[in-house]
Amino acid sequence: MGYALSGKTALVTGANRGIGEALVDALVAAGVRRVYAAARKISALDPLVSRHGSQVTALQLDVTNAAQIAAAAATAGDVDLLVNNAGIVGFFGGDFTDPKWIEGGRQEMEVNFLGTFAVTQAFAPVLAKNGGGAIVNLNSVASFVSFPILAAYSASKAATHSLTQVTRVMLRGQNTQVFGVYPGPIDTKMAEPLTLEKTSPTEAARAIVAGVIAGAEEKFPDKKRHG
């Protein structure tokens, strides 16, 4: 079922750069009334606010900080669409026995999986109050295929895919639609170490927004798979 964006209010986590920033631009272009652009450093959102004026509201949100999550849910009580975009790569590795895998993996699980889970828990009642709304989870092709240099990151994204599936089932009763997005390599700062062909954040964001409007529960917004 398609999800109309015109006149809606959205919140995008990790909105200060990359796909998150491009998603704010794409949502505004699609007719969203207001976008809460959330990031750990609120000053990093200044360019978005300058670009879009009153349509974008900057919000401080570290998705690992319970107090900030609660404050965001209280402040953004008019949200119809939650976009869980915040994510990190904790470690690009090689040697399987490198202890940095564990340290990086803890960070990836904390942000990518538990952060997404916590923000979704906080905003599920908000969405229910506003008629159900929708959730978009930025997962990855690594949700399905584990890459050796991204072993722990791949595991964290497999976890967010699992979370997407169960959220879809558990929130169906409150009329919340849940979309999973699975990009390949995107030309962002996070993906700089990768030498693969990459899709621009702008192109990916436009494909994601088009997929939500069309009602595509799973979207692969890269150059080779726009279906």
Protein backbone atom coordinates (compact mmCIF):
# COMPACT_ATOMS: atom_id res chain seq x y z
CA MET A 1 0.00 0.00 0.00
CA GLY A 2 1.39 3.38 -1.00
CA TYR A 3 2.14 6.05 1.57
CA ALA A 4 1.37 9.65 0.55
CA LEU A 5 3.93 12.14 1.86
CA SER A 6 2.30 15.45 1.01
CA GLY A 7 1.49 17.40 4.16
CA LYS A 8 3.10 14.85 6.49
CA THR A 9 5.64 15.45 9.25
CA ALA A 10 8.83 13.36 9.21
CA LEU A 11 11.81 12.78 11.46
CA VAL A 12 15.15 11.65 10.03
CA THR A 13 17.94 10.44 12.32
CA GLY A 14 21.56 10.97 11.29
CA ALA A 15 20.42 13.84 9.07
CA ASN A 16 23.62 15.88 9.14
CA ARG A 17 25.29 14.27 6.11
CA GLY A 18 25.19 11.52 3.50
CA ILE A 19 21.91 9.72 2.86
CA GLY A 20 20.29 11.37 5.89
CA GLU A 21 20.90 14.89 4.59
CA ALA A 22 19.80 13.87 1.09
CA LEU A 23 16.64 12.29 2.52
CA VAL A 24 15.66 15.56 4.18
CA ASP A 25 16.04 17.32 0.82
CA ALA A 26 14.04 14.61 -0.96
CA LEU A 27 11.25 14.63 1.63
CA VAL A 28 10.87 18.40 1.40
CA ALA A 29 10.78 18.11 -2.40
CA ALA A 30 8.06 15.44 -2.07
CA GLY A 31 5.80 17.84 -0.19
CA VAL A 32 6.42 16.90 3.43
CA ARG A 33 5.17 19.76 5.61
CA ARG A 34 7.93 19.56 8.21
CA VAL A 35 11.07 17.50 8.71
CA TYR A 36 12.74 17.12 12.08
CA ALA A 37 16.39 16.71 11.12
CA ALA A 38 18.12 14.91 13.97
CA ALA A 39 21.83 14.49 14.69
CA ARG A 40 24.20 14.18 17.64
CA LYS A 41 25.62 17.67 17.02
CA ILE A 42 22.81 20.11 16.37
CA SER A 43 25.18 22.66 14.79
CA ALA A 44 25.90 20.15 12.01
CA LEU A 45 22.31 20.65 10.84
CA ASP A 46 22.75 24.37 10.12
CA PRO A 47 23.13 23.88 6.34
CA LEU A 48 19.80 22.02 6.14
CA VAL A 49 17.99 24.69 8.15
CA SER A 50 19.54 27.42 5.98
CA ARG A 51 18.49 25.59 2.84
CA HIS A 52 14.88 24.87 3.82
CA GLY A 53 14.01 27.45 6.47
CA SER A 54 11.01 26.73 8.66
CA GLN A 55 10.30 23.42 6.92
CA VAL A 56 13.24 21.85 8.74
CA THR A 57 13.56 21.77 12.53
CA ALA A 58 16.96 20.80 13.94
CA LEU A 59 16.85 18.28 16.76
CA GLN A 60 19.71 16.96 18.91
CA LEU A 61 19.51 13.19 19.03
CA ASP A 62 22.12 10.60 19.85
CA VAL A 63 20.29 7.31 19.23
CA THR A 64 22.27 5.66 22.05
CA ASN A 65 21.13 8.26 24.61
CA ALA A 66 17.85 7.31 26.30
CA ALA A 67 17.20 10.80 27.66
CA GLN A 68 17.66 12.41 24.25
CA ILE A 69 15.39 9.82 22.62
CA ALA A 70 12.64 10.53 25.17
CA ALA A 71 13.07 14.28 24.69
CA ALA A 72 12.86 13.92 20.91
CA ALA A 73 9.62 11.92 21.15
CA ALA A 74 8.14 14.56 23.45
CA THR A 75 9.23 17.43 21.19
CA ALA A 76 8.28 15.84 17.87
CA GLY A 77 4.80 14.69 18.86
CA ASP A 78 3.38 15.41 15.41
CA VAL A 79 5.55 12.92 13.52
CA ASP A 80 3.84 10.73 10.90
CA LEU A 81 6.98 9.25 9.34
CA LEU A 82 10.06 8.02 11.21
CA VAL A 83 13.22 7.44 9.17
CA ASN A 84 15.83 5.43 11.09
CA ASN A 85 18.92 6.43 9.14
CA ALA A 86 21.60 6.92 11.83
CA GLY A 87 24.34 4.34 11.55
CA ILE A 88 28.09 3.80 11.80
CA VAL A 89 30.87 1.55 10.58
CA GLY A 90 32.93 0.83 13.66
CA PHE A 91 35.75 -1.02 11.93
CA PHE A 92 36.91 -1.98 8.44
CA GLY A 93 38.91 -5.13 9.08
CA GLY A 94 41.14 -7.77 7.56
CA ASP A 95 42.63 -10.23 10.03
CA PHE A 96 39.81 -12.22 11.63
CA THR A 97 41.62 -12.25 14.99
CA ASP A 98 42.02 -8.45 15.20
CA PRO A 99 40.52 -7.39 18.56
CA LYS A 100 39.19 -4.19 16.96
CA TRP A 101 36.37 -6.29 15.47
CA ILE A 102 34.84 -6.66 18.92
CA GLU A 103 35.17 -3.01 19.91
CA GLY A 104 33.83 -1.85 16.55
CA GLY A 105 31.09 -4.48 16.59
CA ARG A 106 29.81 -3.30 19.97
CA GLN A 107 29.54 0.25 18.61
CA GLU A 108 27.77 -0.96 15.46
CA MET A 109 25.26 -3.02 17.39
CA GLU A 110 24.67 -0.18 19.84
CA VAL A 111 23.99 2.41 17.12
CA ASN A 112 22.73 0.46 14.13
CA PHE A 113 20.56 -2.12 15.88
CA LEU A 114 19.80 -1.02 19.45
CA GLY A 115 19.63 2.66 18.50
CA THR A 116 17.11 1.92 15.77
CA PHE A 117 15.15 -0.29 18.18
CA ALA A 118 15.10 2.34 20.93
CA VAL A 119 14.02 5.20 18.66
CA THR A 120 11.30 3.03 17.13
CA GLN A 121 10.02 2.07 20.60
CA ALA A 122 9.84 5.74 21.59
CA PHE A 123 8.02 6.87 18.45
CA ALA A 124 5.62 3.93 18.02
CA PRO A 125 3.08 5.53 20.43
CA VAL A 126 3.51 8.89 18.65
CA LEU A 127 2.72 7.28 15.30
CA ALA A 128 -0.25 5.44 16.79
CA LYS A 129 -1.64 8.70 18.20
CA ASN A 130 -1.30 10.31 14.78
CA GLY A 131 -3.15 7.56 12.92
CA GLY A 132 -0.44 4.95 12.38
CA GLY A 133 2.02 6.56 10.01
CA ALA A 134 5.11 4.83 8.69
CA ILE A 135 8.66 3.80 9.58
CA VAL A 136 11.59 3.56 7.18
CA ASN A 137 14.65 1.59 8.31
CA LEU A 138 17.91 2.17 6.45
CA ASN A 139 19.34 -1.32 6.35
CA SER A 140 21.90 -2.49 3.76
CA VAL A 141 22.63 -5.16 1.18
CA ALA A 142 24.94 -6.33 3.99
CA SER A 143 21.73 -7.35 5.78
CA PHE A 144 21.69 -10.33 3.41
CA VAL A 145 25.36 -10.90 2.49
CA SER A 146 28.20 -10.57 4.99
CA PHE A 147 31.29 -8.84 3.60
CA PRO A 148 34.68 -9.87 5.06
CA ILE A 149 35.94 -6.31 5.60
CA LEU A 150 32.60 -5.46 7.24
CA ALA A 151 31.94 -8.61 9.23
CA ALA A 152 30.53 -7.01 12.39
CA TYR A 153 28.75 -4.22 10.47
CA SER A 154 27.09 -6.86 8.29
CA ALA A 155 25.87 -8.64 11.42
CA SER A 156 24.44 -5.39 12.79
CA LYS A 157 22.57 -4.79 9.53
CA ALA A 158 21.25 -8.36 9.49
CA ALA A 159 19.88 -7.50 12.94
CA THR A 160 18.17 -4.33 11.65
CA HIS A 161 16.61 -6.37 8.84
CA SER A 162 15.23 -8.79 11.42
CA LEU A 163 13.99 -5.83 13.48
CA THR A 164 12.28 -4.39 10.39
CA GLN A 165 10.40 -7.62 9.82
CA VAL A 166 9.20 -7.99 13.40
CA THR A 167 8.30 -4.30 13.68
CA ARG A 168 6.14 -4.66 10.57
CA VAL A 169 4.23 -7.50 12.23
CA MET A 170 3.99 -6.01 15.72
CA LEU A 171 2.86 -2.52 14.64
CA ARG A 172 0.44 -3.63 11.96
CA GLY A 173 -2.40 -3.43 14.46
CA GLN A 174 -1.83 0.31 14.94
CA ASN A 175 -1.82 0.84 11.14
CA THR A 176 1.90 1.63 10.96
CA GLN A 177 3.56 0.72 7.66
CA VAL A 178 7.18 -0.40 7.90
CA PHE A 179 9.62 -0.10 5.01
CA GLY A 180 13.06 -1.70 4.74
CA VAL A 181 15.71 -0.02 2.56
CA TYR A 182 18.76 -1.97 1.39
CA PRO A 183 21.33 0.23 -0.34
CA GLY A 184 24.48 -1.00 -1.96
CA PRO A 185 27.59 1.22 -1.76
CA ILE A 186 26.62 4.90 -1.48
CA ASP A 187 29.09 7.75 -2.04
CA THR A 188 29.27 8.97 1.55
CA LYS A 189 32.07 9.67 4.01
CA MET A 190 31.30 6.38 5.77
CA ALA A 191 31.93 4.45 2.54
CA GLU A 192 35.15 6.24 1.55
CA PRO A 193 37.37 3.16 2.14
CA LEU A 194 35.32 1.14 -0.37
CA THR A 195 36.60 1.19 -3.96
CA LEU A 196 33.37 -0.13 -5.50
CA GLU A 197 31.08 1.80 -7.83
CA LYS A 198 28.83 3.97 -5.68
CA THR A 199 25.45 5.64 -6.01
CA SER A 200 25.13 9.30 -5.03
CA PRO A 201 23.21 10.05 -1.81
CA THR A 202 20.83 12.28 -3.78
CA GLU A 203 19.96 9.51 -6.23
CA ALA A 204 19.52 6.99 -3.42
CA ALA A 205 17.32 9.35 -1.38
CA ARG A 206 15.04 10.07 -4.32
CA ALA A 207 14.66 6.34 -4.97
CA ILE A 208 13.86 5.71 -1.29
CA VAL A 209 11.19 8.42 -1.21
CA ALA A 210 9.69 7.15 -4.46
CA GLY A 211 9.59 3.65 -2.97
CA VAL A 212 7.72 4.84 0.12
CA ILE A 213 5.17 6.70 -2.00
CA ALA A 214 4.72 3.58 -4.15
CA GLY A 215 4.38 1.35 -1.08
CA ALA A 216 7.44 -0.84 -1.76
CA GLU A 217 8.09 -2.62 1.56
CA GLU A 218 11.63 -3.47 0.44
CA LYS A 219 13.67 -1.04 -1.63
CA PHE A 220 17.14 -1.42 -3.18
CA PRO A 221 18.08 2.17 -4.10
CA ASP A 222 21.33 1.71 -5.99
CA LYS A 223 22.30 2.05 -9.64
CA LYS A 224 21.83 -1.61 -10.49
CA ARG A 225 18.67 -2.29 -8.49
CA HIS A 226 16.03 0.42 -8.38
CA GLY A 227 13.17 -2.05 -8.02
